[in-house]
Full PDB file with SEQRES, HELIX, SHEET, SSBOND, CRYST1, ORIGX, SCALE, CONECT and MASTER records, all heavy atoms in Angstrom:
SEQRES   1 A   40  LYS LEU VAL ARG ARG SER ASP PRO GLU ALA PHE HIS LEU          
SEQRES   2 A   40  SER LEU LEU LEU ARG GLY GLU GLY GLU ALA VAL TRP GLY          
SEQRES   3 A   40  ARG GLN GLN ALA ALA TYR GLY ILE ARG ASP PHE HIS VAL          
SEQRES   4 A   40  ASN                                                          
HELIX    1 AA1 LEU A    2  ARG A    5  1                                   4    
SHEET    1 AA1 2 LEU A  13  LEU A  15  0                                        
SHEET    2 AA1 2 PHE A  37  VAL A  39 -1                                        
SHEET    1 AA2 2 GLY A  21  TRP A  25  0                                        
SHEET    2 AA2 2 GLN A  28  TYR A  32 -1                                        
CRYST1    1.000    1.000    1.000  90.00  90.00  90.00 P 1           1          
ORIGX1      1.000000  0.000000  0.000000        0.00000                         
ORIGX2      0.000000  1.000000  0.000000        0.00000                         
ORIGX3      0.000000  0.000000  1.000000        0.00000                         
SCALE1      1.000000  0.000000  0.000000        0.00000                         
SCALE2      0.000000  1.000000  0.000000        0.00000                         
SCALE3      0.000000  0.000000  1.000000        0.00000                         
ATOM      1  N   LYS A   1       9.027  -3.430 -28.992  1.00  0.00           N  
ATOM      2  CA  LYS A   1      10.232  -2.787 -29.497  1.00  0.00           C  
ATOM      3  C   LYS A   1      10.899  -1.953 -28.427  1.00  0.00           C  
ATOM      4  O   LYS A   1      12.128  -1.955 -28.249  1.00  0.00           O  
ATOM      5  CB  LYS A   1       9.890  -1.933 -30.708  1.00  0.00           C  
ATOM      6  CG  LYS A   1      11.098  -1.254 -31.349  1.00  0.00           C  
ATOM      7  CD  LYS A   1      10.668  -0.456 -32.588  1.00  0.00           C  
ATOM      8  CE  LYS A   1      11.882   0.231 -33.250  1.00  0.00           C  
ATOM      9  NZ  LYS A   1      11.485   0.999 -34.436  1.00  0.00           N  
ATOM     10  N   LEU A   2      10.094  -1.203 -27.670  1.00  0.00           N  
ATOM     11  CA  LEU A   2      10.668  -0.393 -26.576  1.00  0.00           C  
ATOM     12  C   LEU A   2      11.225  -1.270 -25.476  1.00  0.00           C  
ATOM     13  O   LEU A   2      12.245  -0.902 -24.837  1.00  0.00           O  
ATOM     14  CB  LEU A   2       9.570   0.548 -26.025  1.00  0.00           C  
ATOM     15  CG  LEU A   2       9.169   1.715 -26.915  1.00  0.00           C  
ATOM     16  CD1 LEU A   2       7.985   2.470 -26.362  1.00  0.00           C  
ATOM     17  CD2 LEU A   2      10.378   2.679 -27.076  1.00  0.00           C  
ATOM     18  N   VAL A   3      10.591  -2.383 -25.212  1.00  0.00           N  
ATOM     19  CA  VAL A   3      11.098  -3.324 -24.180  1.00  0.00           C  
ATOM     20  C   VAL A   3      12.480  -3.831 -24.617  1.00  0.00           C  
ATOM     21  O   VAL A   3      13.413  -3.873 -23.794  1.00  0.00           O  
ATOM     22  CB  VAL A   3      10.142  -4.484 -23.964  1.00  0.00           C  
ATOM     23  CG1 VAL A   3      10.779  -5.553 -23.047  1.00  0.00           C  
ATOM     24  CG2 VAL A   3       8.830  -3.985 -23.348  1.00  0.00           C  
ATOM     25  N   ARG A   4      12.595  -4.216 -25.896  1.00  0.00           N  
ATOM     26  CA  ARG A   4      13.901  -4.718 -26.367  1.00  0.00           C  
ATOM     27  C   ARG A   4      14.963  -3.625 -26.338  1.00  0.00           C  
ATOM     28  O   ARG A   4      16.139  -3.888 -26.079  1.00  0.00           O  
ATOM     29  CB  ARG A   4      13.745  -5.280 -27.792  1.00  0.00           C  
ATOM     30  CG  ARG A   4      12.916  -6.540 -27.880  1.00  0.00           C  
ATOM     31  CD  ARG A   4      13.045  -7.173 -29.262  1.00  0.00           C  
ATOM     32  NE  ARG A   4      12.537  -6.283 -30.341  1.00  0.00           N  
ATOM     33  CZ  ARG A   4      11.294  -6.291 -30.767  1.00  0.00           C  
ATOM     34  NH1 ARG A   4      10.404  -7.108 -30.205  1.00  0.00           N  
ATOM     35  NH2 ARG A   4      10.936  -5.476 -31.732  1.00  0.00           N  
ATOM     36  N   ARG A   5      14.545  -2.399 -26.594  1.00  0.00           N  
ATOM     37  CA  ARG A   5      15.509  -1.316 -26.660  1.00  0.00           C  
ATOM     38  C   ARG A   5      16.027  -0.915 -25.267  1.00  0.00           C  
ATOM     39  O   ARG A   5      17.223  -0.580 -25.112  1.00  0.00           O  
ATOM     40  CB  ARG A   5      14.846  -0.082 -27.317  1.00  0.00           C  
ATOM     41  CG  ARG A   5      15.789   1.106 -27.447  1.00  0.00           C  
ATOM     42  CD  ARG A   5      15.018   2.309 -27.984  1.00  0.00           C  
ATOM     43  NE  ARG A   5      14.385   2.052 -29.260  1.00  0.00           N  
ATOM     44  CZ  ARG A   5      13.508   2.837 -29.843  1.00  0.00           C  
ATOM     45  NH1 ARG A   5      13.149   3.967 -29.231  1.00  0.00           N  
ATOM     46  NH2 ARG A   5      12.987   2.567 -31.011  1.00  0.00           N  
ATOM     47  N   SER A   6      15.159  -0.919 -24.269  1.00  0.00           N  
ATOM     48  CA  SER A   6      15.560  -0.446 -22.932  1.00  0.00           C  
ATOM     49  C   SER A   6      14.667  -1.128 -21.876  1.00  0.00           C  
ATOM     50  O   SER A   6      13.463  -0.962 -21.879  1.00  0.00           O  
ATOM     51  CB  SER A   6      15.417   1.056 -22.853  1.00  0.00           C  
ATOM     52  OG  SER A   6      15.658   1.524 -21.523  1.00  0.00           O  
ATOM     53  N   ASP A   7      15.301  -1.870 -20.982  1.00  0.00           N  
ATOM     54  CA  ASP A   7      14.540  -2.536 -19.906  1.00  0.00           C  
ATOM     55  C   ASP A   7      15.329  -2.373 -18.602  1.00  0.00           C  
ATOM     56  O   ASP A   7      16.314  -3.037 -18.325  1.00  0.00           O  
ATOM     57  CB  ASP A   7      14.372  -4.041 -20.211  1.00  0.00           C  
ATOM     58  CG  ASP A   7      13.556  -4.696 -19.124  1.00  0.00           C  
ATOM     59  OD1 ASP A   7      13.029  -3.997 -18.238  1.00  0.00           O  
ATOM     60  OD2 ASP A   7      13.472  -5.958 -19.161  1.00  0.00           O  
ATOM     61  N   PRO A   8      14.867  -1.445 -17.717  1.00  0.00           N  
ATOM     62  CA  PRO A   8      15.499  -1.276 -16.426  1.00  0.00           C  
ATOM     63  C   PRO A   8      15.201  -2.417 -15.462  1.00  0.00           C  
ATOM     64  O   PRO A   8      15.701  -2.429 -14.310  1.00  0.00           O  
ATOM     65  CB  PRO A   8      14.897   0.017 -15.902  1.00  0.00           C  
ATOM     66  CG  PRO A   8      13.605   0.195 -16.636  1.00  0.00           C  
ATOM     67  CD  PRO A   8      13.794  -0.436 -17.978  1.00  0.00           C  
ATOM     68  N   GLU A   9      14.357  -3.397 -15.885  1.00  0.00           N  
ATOM     69  CA  GLU A   9      14.016  -4.567 -15.080  1.00  0.00           C  
ATOM     70  C   GLU A   9      13.488  -4.149 -13.713  1.00  0.00           C  
ATOM     71  O   GLU A   9      14.046  -4.464 -12.663  1.00  0.00           O  
ATOM     72  CB  GLU A   9      15.229  -5.514 -14.932  1.00  0.00           C  
ATOM     73  CG  GLU A   9      15.687  -6.062 -16.270  1.00  0.00           C  
ATOM     74  CD  GLU A   9      16.759  -7.124 -16.136  1.00  0.00           C  
ATOM     75  OE1 GLU A   9      17.200  -7.375 -14.994  1.00  0.00           O  
ATOM     76  OE2 GLU A   9      17.124  -7.729 -17.170  1.00  0.00           O  
ATOM     77  N   ALA A  10      12.372  -3.401 -13.775  1.00  0.00           N  
ATOM     78  CA  ALA A  10      11.768  -2.886 -12.554  1.00  0.00           C  
ATOM     79  C   ALA A  10      10.283  -3.177 -12.521  1.00  0.00           C  
ATOM     80  O   ALA A  10       9.635  -3.242 -13.599  1.00  0.00           O  
ATOM     81  CB  ALA A  10      11.988  -1.381 -12.420  1.00  0.00           C  
ATOM     82  N   PHE A  11       9.769  -3.441 -11.329  1.00  0.00           N  
ATOM     83  CA  PHE A  11       8.311  -3.484 -11.155  1.00  0.00           C  
ATOM     84  C   PHE A  11       7.793  -2.060 -10.928  1.00  0.00           C  
ATOM     85  O   PHE A  11       8.497  -1.220 -10.327  1.00  0.00           O  
ATOM     86  CB  PHE A  11       7.922  -4.326  -9.941  1.00  0.00           C  
ATOM     87  CG  PHE A  11       8.082  -5.811 -10.150  1.00  0.00           C  
ATOM     88  CD1 PHE A  11       9.037  -6.510  -9.471  1.00  0.00           C  
ATOM     89  CD2 PHE A  11       7.250  -6.480 -11.038  1.00  0.00           C  
ATOM     90  CE1 PHE A  11       9.177  -7.881  -9.652  1.00  0.00           C  
ATOM     91  CE2 PHE A  11       7.382  -7.833 -11.224  1.00  0.00           C  
ATOM     92  CZ  PHE A  11       8.347  -8.556 -10.534  1.00  0.00           C  
ATOM     93  N   HIS A  12       6.589  -1.801 -11.407  1.00  0.00           N  
ATOM     94  CA  HIS A  12       5.951  -0.529 -11.149  1.00  0.00           C  
ATOM     95  C   HIS A  12       4.619  -0.801 -10.450  1.00  0.00           C  
ATOM     96  O   HIS A  12       3.837  -1.671 -10.888  1.00  0.00           O  
ATOM     97  CB  HIS A  12       5.700   0.268 -12.438  1.00  0.00           C  
ATOM     98  CG  HIS A  12       4.771   1.410 -12.230  1.00  0.00           C  
ATOM     99  ND1 HIS A  12       5.188   2.627 -11.701  1.00  0.00           N  
ATOM    100  CD2 HIS A  12       3.399   1.529 -12.414  1.00  0.00           C  
ATOM    101  CE1 HIS A  12       4.164   3.443 -11.595  1.00  0.00           C  
ATOM    102  NE2 HIS A  12       3.064   2.805 -12.010  1.00  0.00           N  
ATOM    103  N   LEU A  13       4.332  -0.039  -9.415  1.00  0.00           N  
ATOM    104  CA  LEU A  13       3.014  -0.060  -8.748  1.00  0.00           C  
ATOM    105  C   LEU A  13       2.474   1.333  -8.736  1.00  0.00           C  
ATOM    106  O   LEU A  13       3.209   2.291  -8.479  1.00  0.00           O  
ATOM    107  CB  LEU A  13       3.104  -0.573  -7.309  1.00  0.00           C  
ATOM    108  CG  LEU A  13       3.536  -1.988  -7.055  1.00  0.00           C  
ATOM    109  CD1 LEU A  13       5.053  -2.099  -7.036  1.00  0.00           C  
ATOM    110  CD2 LEU A  13       2.972  -2.508  -5.733  1.00  0.00           C  
ATOM    111  N   SER A  14       1.174   1.490  -9.024  1.00  0.00           N  
ATOM    112  CA  SER A  14       0.491   2.785  -8.916  1.00  0.00           C  
ATOM    113  C   SER A  14      -0.675   2.634  -7.974  1.00  0.00           C  
ATOM    114  O   SER A  14      -1.544   1.771  -8.180  1.00  0.00           O  
ATOM    115  CB  SER A  14      -0.013   3.245 -10.283  1.00  0.00           C  
ATOM    116  OG  SER A  14       0.993   3.654 -11.123  1.00  0.00           O  
ATOM    117  N   LEU A  15      -0.707   3.444  -6.927  1.00  0.00           N  
ATOM    118  CA  LEU A  15      -1.869   3.517  -6.023  1.00  0.00           C  
ATOM    119  C   LEU A  15      -2.757   4.611  -6.531  1.00  0.00           C  
ATOM    120  O   LEU A  15      -2.359   5.787  -6.551  1.00  0.00           O  
ATOM    121  CB  LEU A  15      -1.427   3.778  -4.601  1.00  0.00           C  
ATOM    122  CG  LEU A  15      -2.545   4.004  -3.582  1.00  0.00           C  
ATOM    123  CD1 LEU A  15      -3.389   2.742  -3.407  1.00  0.00           C  
ATOM    124  CD2 LEU A  15      -1.979   4.448  -2.246  1.00  0.00           C  
ATOM    125  N   LEU A  16      -3.953   4.305  -6.998  1.00  0.00           N  
ATOM    126  CA  LEU A  16      -4.867   5.276  -7.560  1.00  0.00           C  
ATOM    127  C   LEU A  16      -5.620   5.986  -6.440  1.00  0.00           C  
ATOM    128  O   LEU A  16      -6.326   5.357  -5.646  1.00  0.00           O  
ATOM    129  CB  LEU A  16      -5.860   4.598  -8.511  1.00  0.00           C  
ATOM    130  CG  LEU A  16      -6.810   5.504  -9.312  1.00  0.00           C  
ATOM    131  CD1 LEU A  16      -5.988   6.444 -10.228  1.00  0.00           C  
ATOM    132  CD2 LEU A  16      -7.776   4.650 -10.119  1.00  0.00           C  
ATOM    133  N   LEU A  17      -5.448   7.294  -6.343  1.00  0.00           N  
ATOM    134  CA  LEU A  17      -6.099   8.092  -5.324  1.00  0.00           C  
ATOM    135  C   LEU A  17      -7.257   8.912  -5.817  1.00  0.00           C  
ATOM    136  O   LEU A  17      -8.159   9.329  -5.071  1.00  0.00           O  
ATOM    137  CB  LEU A  17      -5.081   9.014  -4.635  1.00  0.00           C  
ATOM    138  CG  LEU A  17      -3.917   8.314  -3.936  1.00  0.00           C  
ATOM    139  CD1 LEU A  17      -2.959   9.351  -3.356  1.00  0.00           C  
ATOM    140  CD2 LEU A  17      -4.410   7.400  -2.843  1.00  0.00           C  
ATOM    141  N   ARG A  18      -7.225   9.201  -7.137  1.00  0.00           N  
ATOM    142  CA  ARG A  18      -8.344   9.953  -7.766  1.00  0.00           C  
ATOM    143  C   ARG A  18      -8.397   9.597  -9.238  1.00  0.00           C  
ATOM    144  O   ARG A  18      -7.375   9.411  -9.886  1.00  0.00           O  
ATOM    145  CB  ARG A  18      -8.105  11.482  -7.614  1.00  0.00           C  
ATOM    146  CG  ARG A  18      -9.296  12.294  -8.144  1.00  0.00           C  
ATOM    147  CD  ARG A  18      -9.059  13.785  -7.980  1.00  0.00           C  
ATOM    148  NE  ARG A  18      -7.953  14.245  -8.838  1.00  0.00           N  
ATOM    149  CZ  ARG A  18      -7.721  15.559  -9.063  1.00  0.00           C  
ATOM    150  NH1 ARG A  18      -8.491  16.479  -8.492  1.00  0.00           N  
ATOM    151  NH2 ARG A  18      -6.729  15.914  -9.845  1.00  0.00           N  
ATOM    152  N   GLY A  19      -9.602   9.456  -9.770  1.00  0.00           N  
ATOM    153  CA  GLY A  19      -9.771   9.141 -11.159  1.00  0.00           C  
ATOM    154  C   GLY A  19     -10.015   7.652 -11.392  1.00  0.00           C  
ATOM    155  O   GLY A  19     -10.395   6.900 -10.515  1.00  0.00           O  
ATOM    156  N   GLU A  20      -9.711   7.208 -12.599  1.00  0.00           N  
ATOM    157  CA  GLU A  20      -9.920   5.812 -12.965  1.00  0.00           C  
ATOM    158  C   GLU A  20      -8.954   5.434 -14.073  1.00  0.00           C  
ATOM    159  O   GLU A  20      -8.381   6.292 -14.764  1.00  0.00           O  
ATOM    160  CB  GLU A  20     -11.363   5.600 -13.436  1.00  0.00           C  
ATOM    161  CG  GLU A  20     -11.752   6.474 -14.603  1.00  0.00           C  
ATOM    162  CD  GLU A  20     -13.224   6.359 -14.946  1.00  0.00           C  
ATOM    163  OE1 GLU A  20     -14.012   5.865 -14.081  1.00  0.00           O  
ATOM    164  OE2 GLU A  20     -13.607   6.724 -16.065  1.00  0.00           O  
ATOM    165  N   GLY A  21      -8.793   4.130 -14.306  1.00  0.00           N  
ATOM    166  CA  GLY A  21      -7.899   3.677 -15.347  1.00  0.00           C  
ATOM    167  C   GLY A  21      -8.121   2.216 -15.675  1.00  0.00           C  
ATOM    168  O   GLY A  21      -8.745   1.470 -14.904  1.00  0.00           O  
ATOM    169  N   GLU A  22      -7.588   1.809 -16.819  1.00  0.00           N  
ATOM    170  CA  GLU A  22      -7.642   0.377 -17.209  1.00  0.00           C  
ATOM    171  C   GLU A  22      -6.344   0.046 -17.932  1.00  0.00           C  
ATOM    172  O   GLU A  22      -5.661   0.920 -18.494  1.00  0.00           O  
ATOM    173  CB  GLU A  22      -8.838   0.121 -18.103  1.00  0.00           C  
ATOM    174  CG  GLU A  22      -8.852   0.915 -19.409  1.00  0.00           C  
ATOM    175  CD  GLU A  22     -10.078   0.605 -20.223  1.00  0.00           C  
ATOM    176  OE1 GLU A  22     -11.056   0.042 -19.680  1.00  0.00           O  
ATOM    177  OE2 GLU A  22     -10.060   0.949 -21.434  1.00  0.00           O  
ATOM    178  N   ALA A  23      -6.015  -1.247 -17.909  1.00  0.00           N  
ATOM    179  CA  ALA A  23      -4.757  -1.709 -18.506  1.00  0.00           C  
ATOM    180  C   ALA A  23      -5.004  -2.971 -19.300  1.00  0.00           C  
ATOM    181  O   ALA A  23      -5.923  -3.763 -18.975  1.00  0.00           O  
ATOM    182  CB  ALA A  23      -3.698  -1.967 -17.431  1.00  0.00           C  
ATOM    183  N   VAL A  24      -4.173  -3.198 -20.319  1.00  0.00           N  
ATOM    184  CA  VAL A  24      -4.278  -4.361 -21.201  1.00  0.00           C  
ATOM    185  C   VAL A  24      -2.881  -4.951 -21.373  1.00  0.00           C  
ATOM    186  O   VAL A  24      -1.947  -4.216 -21.691  1.00  0.00           O  
ATOM    187  CB  VAL A  24      -4.890  -4.012 -22.552  1.00  0.00           C  
ATOM    188  CG1 VAL A  24      -4.914  -5.242 -23.447  1.00  0.00           C  
ATOM    189  CG2 VAL A  24      -6.262  -3.390 -22.419  1.00  0.00           C  
ATOM    190  N   TRP A  25      -2.715  -6.240 -21.135  1.00  0.00           N  
ATOM    191  CA  TRP A  25      -1.534  -7.004 -21.457  1.00  0.00           C  
ATOM    192  C   TRP A  25      -1.950  -8.166 -22.344  1.00  0.00           C  
ATOM    193  O   TRP A  25      -2.436  -9.188 -21.850  1.00  0.00           O  
ATOM    194  CB  TRP A  25      -0.881  -7.609 -20.196  1.00  0.00           C  
ATOM    195  CG  TRP A  25      -0.470  -6.611 -19.168  1.00  0.00           C  
ATOM    196  CD1 TRP A  25       0.748  -6.118 -18.966  1.00  0.00           C  
ATOM    197  CD2 TRP A  25      -1.281  -6.038 -18.134  1.00  0.00           C  
ATOM    198  NE1 TRP A  25       0.779  -5.242 -17.886  1.00  0.00           N  
ATOM    199  CE2 TRP A  25      -0.479  -5.178 -17.361  1.00  0.00           C  
ATOM    200  CE3 TRP A  25      -2.644  -6.171 -17.817  1.00  0.00           C  
ATOM    201  CZ2 TRP A  25      -0.973  -4.451 -16.277  1.00  0.00           C  
ATOM    202  CZ3 TRP A  25      -3.114  -5.458 -16.734  1.00  0.00           C  
ATOM    203  CH2 TRP A  25      -2.302  -4.600 -15.973  1.00  0.00           C  
ATOM    204  N   GLY A  26      -1.829  -8.004 -23.639  1.00  0.00           N  
ATOM    205  CA  GLY A  26      -2.302  -9.057 -24.547  1.00  0.00           C  
ATOM    206  C   GLY A  26      -3.766  -9.301 -24.348  1.00  0.00           C  
ATOM    207  O   GLY A  26      -4.593  -8.423 -24.560  1.00  0.00           O  
ATOM    208  N   ARG A  27      -4.131 -10.513 -23.934  1.00  0.00           N  
ATOM    209  CA  ARG A  27      -5.529 -10.849 -23.733  1.00  0.00           C  
ATOM    210  C   ARG A  27      -6.011 -10.536 -22.295  1.00  0.00           C  
ATOM    211  O   ARG A  27      -7.199 -10.677 -21.990  1.00  0.00           O  
ATOM    212  CB  ARG A  27      -5.782 -12.350 -23.988  1.00  0.00           C  
ATOM    213  CG  ARG A  27      -5.499 -12.757 -25.436  1.00  0.00           C  
ATOM    214  CD  ARG A  27      -5.776 -14.242 -25.608  1.00  0.00           C  
ATOM    215  NE  ARG A  27      -5.510 -14.651 -26.974  1.00  0.00           N  
ATOM    216  CZ  ARG A  27      -5.639 -15.891 -27.424  1.00  0.00           C  
ATOM    217  NH1 ARG A  27      -6.009 -16.847 -26.573  1.00  0.00           N  
ATOM    218  NH2 ARG A  27      -5.403 -16.180 -28.693  1.00  0.00           N  
ATOM    219  N   GLN A  28      -5.102 -10.085 -21.438  1.00  0.00           N  
ATOM    220  CA  GLN A  28      -5.449  -9.808 -20.065  1.00  0.00           C  
ATOM    221  C   GLN A  28      -5.820  -8.339 -19.913  1.00  0.00           C  
ATOM    222  O   GLN A  28      -5.132  -7.448 -20.452  1.00  0.00           O  
ATOM    223  CB  GLN A  28      -4.243 -10.142 -19.183  1.00  0.00           C  
ATOM    224  CG  GLN A  28      -4.521 -10.007 -17.680  1.00  0.00           C  
ATOM    225  CD  GLN A  28      -3.295 -10.372 -16.857  1.00  0.00           C  
ATOM    226  OE1 GLN A  28      -2.209 -10.631 -17.429  1.00  0.00           O  
ATOM    227  NE2 GLN A  28      -3.413 -10.356 -15.548  1.00  0.00           N  
ATOM    228  N   GLN A  29      -6.919  -8.082 -19.192  1.00  0.00           N  
ATOM    229  CA  GLN A  29      -7.381  -6.720 -18.972  1.00  0.00           C  
ATOM    230  C   GLN A  29      -7.726  -6.538 -17.501  1.00  0.00           C  
ATOM    231  O   GLN A  29      -8.080  -7.472 -16.796  1.00  0.00           O  
ATOM    232  CB  GLN A  29      -8.611  -6.435 -19.813  1.00  0.00           C  
ATOM    233  CG  GLN A  29      -8.413  -6.499 -21.308  1.00  0.00           C  
ATOM    234  CD  GLN A  29      -9.677  -6.115 -22.075  1.00  0.00           C  
ATOM    235  OE1 GLN A  29     -10.722  -5.916 -21.506  1.00  0.00           O  
ATOM    236  NE2 GLN A  29      -9.536  -6.026 -23.386  1.00  0.00           N  
ATOM    237  N   ALA A  30      -7.658  -5.303 -17.038  1.00  0.00           N  
ATOM    238  CA  ALA A  30      -8.037  -4.976 -15.654  1.00  0.00           C  
ATOM    239  C   ALA A  30      -8.470  -3.535 -15.583  1.00  0.00           C  
ATOM    240  O   ALA A  30      -7.867  -2.672 -16.251  1.00  0.00           O  
ATOM    241  CB  ALA A  30      -6.881  -5.229 -14.692  1.00  0.00           C  
ATOM    242  N   ALA A  31      -9.469  -3.252 -14.780  1.00  0.00           N  
ATOM    243  CA  ALA A  31      -9.911  -1.881 -14.532  1.00  0.00           C  
ATOM    244  C   ALA A  31      -9.592  -1.563 -13.064  1.00  0.00           C  
ATOM    245  O   ALA A  31      -9.626  -2.430 -12.194  1.00  0.00           O  
ATOM    246  CB  ALA A  31     -11.380  -1.719 -14.803  1.00  0.00           C  
ATOM    247  N   TYR A  32      -9.338  -0.270 -12.793  1.00  0.00           N  
ATOM    248  CA  TYR A  32      -8.900   0.130 -11.458  1.00  0.00           C  
ATOM    249  C   TYR A  32      -9.750   1.265 -10.916  1.00  0.00           C  
ATOM    250  O   TYR A  32     -10.132   2.165 -11.672  1.00  0.00           O  
ATOM    251  CB  TYR A  32      -7.421   0.558 -11.487  1.00  0.00           C  
ATOM    252  CG  TYR A  32      -6.518  -0.520 -12.010  1.00  0.00           C  
ATOM    253  CD1 TYR A  32      -6.228  -0.625 -13.357  1.00  0.00           C  
ATOM    254  CD2 TYR A  32      -5.995  -1.477 -11.139  1.00  0.00           C  
ATOM    255  CE1 TYR A  32      -5.439  -1.645 -13.838  1.00  0.00           C  
ATOM    256  CE2 TYR A  32      -5.192  -2.475 -11.605  1.00  0.00           C  
ATOM    257  CZ  TYR A  32      -4.910  -2.584 -12.942  1.00  0.00           C  
ATOM    258  OH  TYR A  32      -4.120  -3.599 -13.437  1.00  0.00           O  
ATOM    259  N   GLY A  33     -10.036   1.146  -9.619  1.00  0.00           N  
ATOM    260  CA  GLY A  33     -10.776   2.196  -8.954  1.00  0.00           C  
ATOM    261  C   GLY A  33      -9.931   2.828  -7.819  1.00  0.00           C  
ATOM    262  O   GLY A  33      -8.753   2.495  -7.637  1.00  0.00           O  
ATOM    263  N   ILE A  34     -10.599   3.700  -7.061  1.00  0.00           N  
ATOM    264  CA  ILE A  34      -9.887   4.419  -6.023  1.00  0.00           C  
ATOM    265  C   ILE A  34      -9.346   3.427  -4.986  1.00  0.00           C  
ATOM    266  O   ILE A  34     -10.021   2.493  -4.575  1.00  0.00           O  
ATOM    267  CB  ILE A  34     -10.817   5.423  -5.335  1.00  0.00           C  
ATOM    268  CG1 ILE A  34     -11.394   6.407  -6.367  1.00  0.00           C  
ATOM    269  CG2 ILE A  34     -10.096   6.198  -4.194  1.00  0.00           C  
ATOM    270  CD1 ILE A  34     -10.336   7.212  -7.072  1.00  0.00           C  
ATOM    271  N   ARG A  35      -8.074   3.633  -4.587  1.00  0.00           N  
ATOM    272  CA  ARG A  35      -7.348   2.816  -3.601  1.00  0.00           C  
ATOM    273  C   ARG A  35      -7.044   1.428  -4.125  1.00  0.00           C  
ATOM    274  O   ARG A  35      -6.801   0.518  -3.322  1.00  0.00           O  
ATOM    275  CB  ARG A  35      -8.115   2.751  -2.289  1.00  0.00           C  
ATOM    276  CG  ARG A  35      -8.042   4.039  -1.466  1.00  0.00           C  
ATOM    277  CD  ARG A  35      -6.771   4.093  -0.634  1.00  0.00           C  
ATOM    278  NE  ARG A  35      -6.554   5.415  -0.046  1.00  0.00           N  
ATOM    279  CZ  ARG A  35      -5.682   5.676   0.914  1.00  0.00           C  
ATOM    280  NH1 ARG A  35      -4.915   4.668   1.397  1.00  0.00           N  
ATOM    281  NH2 ARG A  35      -5.489   6.855   1.388  1.00  0.00           N  
ATOM    282  N   ASP A  36      -7.052   1.246  -5.433  1.00  0.00           N  
ATOM    283  CA  ASP A  36      -6.544   0.006  -6.047  1.00  0.00           C  
ATOM    284  C   ASP A  36      -5.084   0.228  -6.448  1.00  0.00           C  
ATOM    285  O   ASP A  36      -4.701   1.344  -6.819  1.00  0.00           O  
ATOM    286  CB  ASP A  36      -7.342  -0.363  -7.301  1.00  0.00           C  
ATOM    287  CG  ASP A  36      -8.652  -1.017  -6.972  1.00  0.00           C  
ATOM    288  OD1 ASP A  36      -8.841  -1.483  -5.814  1.00  0.00           O  
ATOM    289  OD2 ASP A  36      -9.538  -1.027  -7.841  1.00  0.00           O  
ATOM    290  N   PHE A  37      -4.290  -0.832  -6.387  1.00  0.00           N  
ATOM    291  CA  PHE A  37      -2.926  -0.818  -6.927  1.00  0.00           C  
ATOM    292  C   PHE A  37      -2.947  -1.422  -8.298  1.00  0.00           C  
ATOM    293  O   PHE A  37      -3.528  -2.499  -8.561  1.00  0.00           O  
ATOM    294  CB  PHE A  37      -1.983  -1.663  -6.055  1.00  0.00           C  
ATOM    295  CG  PHE A  37      -1.451  -0.988  -4.844  1.00  0.00           C  
ATOM    296  CD1 PHE A  37      -1.998  -1.255  -3.585  1.00  0.00           C  
ATOM    297  CD2 PHE A  37      -0.424  -0.061  -4.921  1.00  0.00           C  
ATOM    298  CE1 PHE A  37      -1.513  -0.624  -2.460  1.00  0.00           C  
ATOM    299  CE2 PHE A  37       0.057   0.582  -3.799  1.00  0.00           C  
ATOM    300  CZ  PHE A  37      -0.476   0.300  -2.561  1.00  0.00           C  
ATOM    301  N   HIS A  38      -2.324  -0.742  -9.248  1.00  0.00           N  
ATOM    302  CA  HIS A  38      -1.995  -1.312 -10.587  1.00  0.00           C  
ATOM    303  C   HIS A  38      -0.538  -1.742 -10.562  1.00  0.00           C  
ATOM    304  O   HIS A  38       0.309  -1.037 -10.059  1.00  0.00           O  
ATOM    305  CB  HIS A  38      -2.254  -0.258 -11.649  1.00  0.00           C  
ATOM    306  CG  HIS A  38      -1.475  -0.481 -12.909  1.00  0.00           C  
ATOM    307  ND1 HIS A  38      -1.779  -1.500 -13.782  1.00  0.00           N  
ATOM    308  CD2 HIS A  38      -0.371   0.123 -13.386  1.00  0.00           C  
ATOM    309  CE1 HIS A  38      -0.886  -1.495 -14.781  1.00  0.00           C  
ATOM    310  NE2 HIS A  38      -0.029  -0.496 -14.580  1.00  0.00           N  
ATOM    311  N   VAL A  39      -0.263  -2.971 -11.078  1.00  0.00           N  
ATOM    312  CA  VAL A  39       1.076  -3.509 -11.082  1.00  0.00           C  
ATOM    313  C   VAL A  39       1.458  -3.845 -12.504  1.00  0.00           C  
ATOM    314  O   VAL A  39       0.754  -4.543 -13.223  1.00  0.00           O  
ATOM    315  CB  VAL A  39       1.182  -4.766 -10.230  1.00  0.00           C  
ATOM    316  CG1 VAL A  39       2.615  -5.317 -10.255  1.00  0.00           C  
ATOM    317  CG2 VAL A  39       0.769  -4.473  -8.780  1.00  0.00           C  
ATOM    318  N   ASN A  40       2.619  -3.339 -12.967  1.00  0.00           N  
ATOM    319  CA  ASN A  40       3.170  -3.771 -14.218  1.00  0.00           C  
ATOM    320  C   ASN A  40       4.682  -3.919 -14.086  1.00  0.00           C  
ATOM    321  O   ASN A  40       5.239  -3.743 -13.023  1.00  0.00           O  
ATOM    322  CB  ASN A  40       2.758  -2.847 -15.380  1.00  0.00           C  
ATOM    323  CG  ASN A  40       3.373  -1.472 -15.328  1.00  0.00           C  
ATOM    324  OD1 ASN A  40       4.529  -1.301 -14.906  1.00  0.00           O  
ATOM    325  ND2 ASN A  40       2.614  -0.472 -15.721  1.00  0.00           N  
TER     326      ASN A  40                                                      
MASTER        0    0    0    1    4    0    0    6  325    1    0    4          
END                                                                             
C-alpha cells in the first residue's frame, strides 16, 4: 500500500558498521553482518 501511495523510484544501500540486521522480501530472506551491504 505504501509503495502504491509513494514511490521515489530509488535504490537504497546500507553499509552496516555496527550491529546486525535481517531483511525479508516475500519468500526471500537475508542476514547481514559487519561490513555487509544491504540493498533494497
